[in-house]
Amino acid sequence: MKRKQFSEEQIIDLLKEAEAGAVVTELCRKHGMSSATYYETCARVGVDIGTDR
């Protein structure tokens, strides 16, 4: 299976939605991203993720 690539714009939009209070699992499902990928992306870009909502 080919790995999906997310553009910087898509990642920024995703992180903004999460920061605004969206539930991470719903957000990941909406964007077709696993929660593991979400948390790896947060760690890579240096976002403080706090607790899972």
C-alpha atoms as a PDB file:
ATOM      1  CA  MET A   1       0.000   0.000   0.000  1.00  0.00           C
ATOM      2  CA  LYS A   2       1.331   3.405  -0.940  1.00  0.00           C
ATOM      3  CA  ARG A   3       1.988   5.778   1.927  1.00  0.00           C
ATOM      4  CA  LYS A   4      -0.062   8.979   1.902  1.00  0.00           C
ATOM      5  CA  GLN A   5       1.888  12.216   2.009  1.00  0.00           C
ATOM      6  CA  PHE A   6       0.434  15.239   3.747  1.00  0.00           C
ATOM      7  CA  SER A   7       1.348  18.723   2.567  1.00  0.00           C
ATOM      8  CA  GLU A   8       2.572  21.342   5.024  1.00  0.00           C
ATOM      9  CA  GLU A   9      -0.722  23.169   4.559  1.00  0.00           C
ATOM     10  CA  GLN A  10      -2.722  20.054   5.471  1.00  0.00           C
ATOM     11  CA  ILE A  11      -0.604  19.472   8.570  1.00  0.00           C
ATOM     12  CA  ILE A  12      -0.970  23.096   9.673  1.00  0.00           C
ATOM     13  CA  ASP A  13      -4.755  22.932   9.225  1.00  0.00           C
ATOM     14  CA  LEU A  14      -4.907  19.696  11.205  1.00  0.00           C
ATOM     15  CA  LEU A  15      -2.838  21.128  14.062  1.00  0.00           C
ATOM     16  CA  LYS A  16      -4.929  24.320  14.143  1.00  0.00           C
ATOM     17  CA  GLU A  17      -8.124  22.271  14.406  1.00  0.00           C
ATOM     18  CA  ALA A  18      -6.631  20.224  17.242  1.00  0.00           C
ATOM     19  CA  GLU A  19      -5.513  23.383  19.025  1.00  0.00           C
ATOM     20  CA  ALA A  20      -9.038  24.784  18.713  1.00  0.00           C
ATOM     21  CA  GLY A  21     -10.336  21.834  20.724  1.00  0.00           C
ATOM     22  CA  ALA A  22     -11.251  19.153  18.202  1.00  0.00           C
ATOM     23  CA  VAL A  23     -11.114  15.535  19.373  1.00  0.00           C
ATOM     24  CA  VAL A  24      -7.908  13.984  18.028  1.00  0.00           C
ATOM     25  CA  THR A  25      -9.440  10.647  17.022  1.00  0.00           C
ATOM     26  CA  GLU A  26     -12.245  12.340  15.058  1.00  0.00           C
ATOM     27  CA  LEU A  27      -9.782  14.745  13.484  1.00  0.00           C
ATOM     28  CA  CYS A  28      -7.525  11.900  12.351  1.00  0.00           C
ATOM     29  CA  ARG A  29     -10.453   9.967  10.904  1.00  0.00           C
ATOM     30  CA  LYS A  30     -11.634  13.069   9.018  1.00  0.00           C
ATOM     31  CA  HIS A  31      -8.198  13.617   7.449  1.00  0.00           C
ATOM     32  CA  GLY A  32      -7.385   9.943   6.866  1.00  0.00           C
ATOM     33  CA  MET A  33      -4.460   9.920   9.282  1.00  0.00           C
ATOM     34  CA  SER A  34      -3.722   7.444  12.052  1.00  0.00           C
ATOM     35  CA  SER A  35      -3.454   8.804  15.577  1.00  0.00           C
ATOM     36  CA  ALA A  36       0.135   7.507  15.712  1.00  0.00           C
ATOM     37  CA  THR A  37       1.003   9.608  12.662  1.00  0.00           C
ATOM     38  CA  TYR A  38      -0.668  12.618  14.283  1.00  0.00           C
ATOM     39  CA  TYR A  39       1.413  12.290  17.454  1.00  0.00           C
ATOM     40  CA  GLU A  40       4.610  11.672  15.456  1.00  0.00           C
ATOM     41  CA  THR A  41       3.890  14.814  13.436  1.00  0.00           C
ATOM     42  CA  CYS A  42       3.323  16.824  16.618  1.00  0.00           C
ATOM     43  CA  ALA A  43       6.633  15.597  18.015  1.00  0.00           C
ATOM     44  CA  ARG A  44       8.423  16.353  14.746  1.00  0.00           C
ATOM     45  CA  VAL A  45       7.175  19.941  14.521  1.00  0.00           C
ATOM     46  CA  GLY A  46       7.514  20.578  18.248  1.00  0.00           C
ATOM     47  CA  VAL A  47       3.862  21.002  19.185  1.00  0.00           C
ATOM     48  CA  ASP A  48       2.939  20.525  22.845  1.00  0.00           C
ATOM     49  CA  ILE A  49       0.066  18.050  22.587  1.00  0.00           C
ATOM     50  CA  GLY A  50      -0.867  17.882  26.257  1.00  0.00           C
ATOM     51  CA  THR A  51      -3.568  15.326  27.006  1.00  0.00           C
ATOM     52  CA  ASP A  52      -5.749  13.454  24.537  1.00  0.00           C
ATOM     53  CA  ARG A  53      -9.184  15.040  24.217  1.00  0.00           C
END
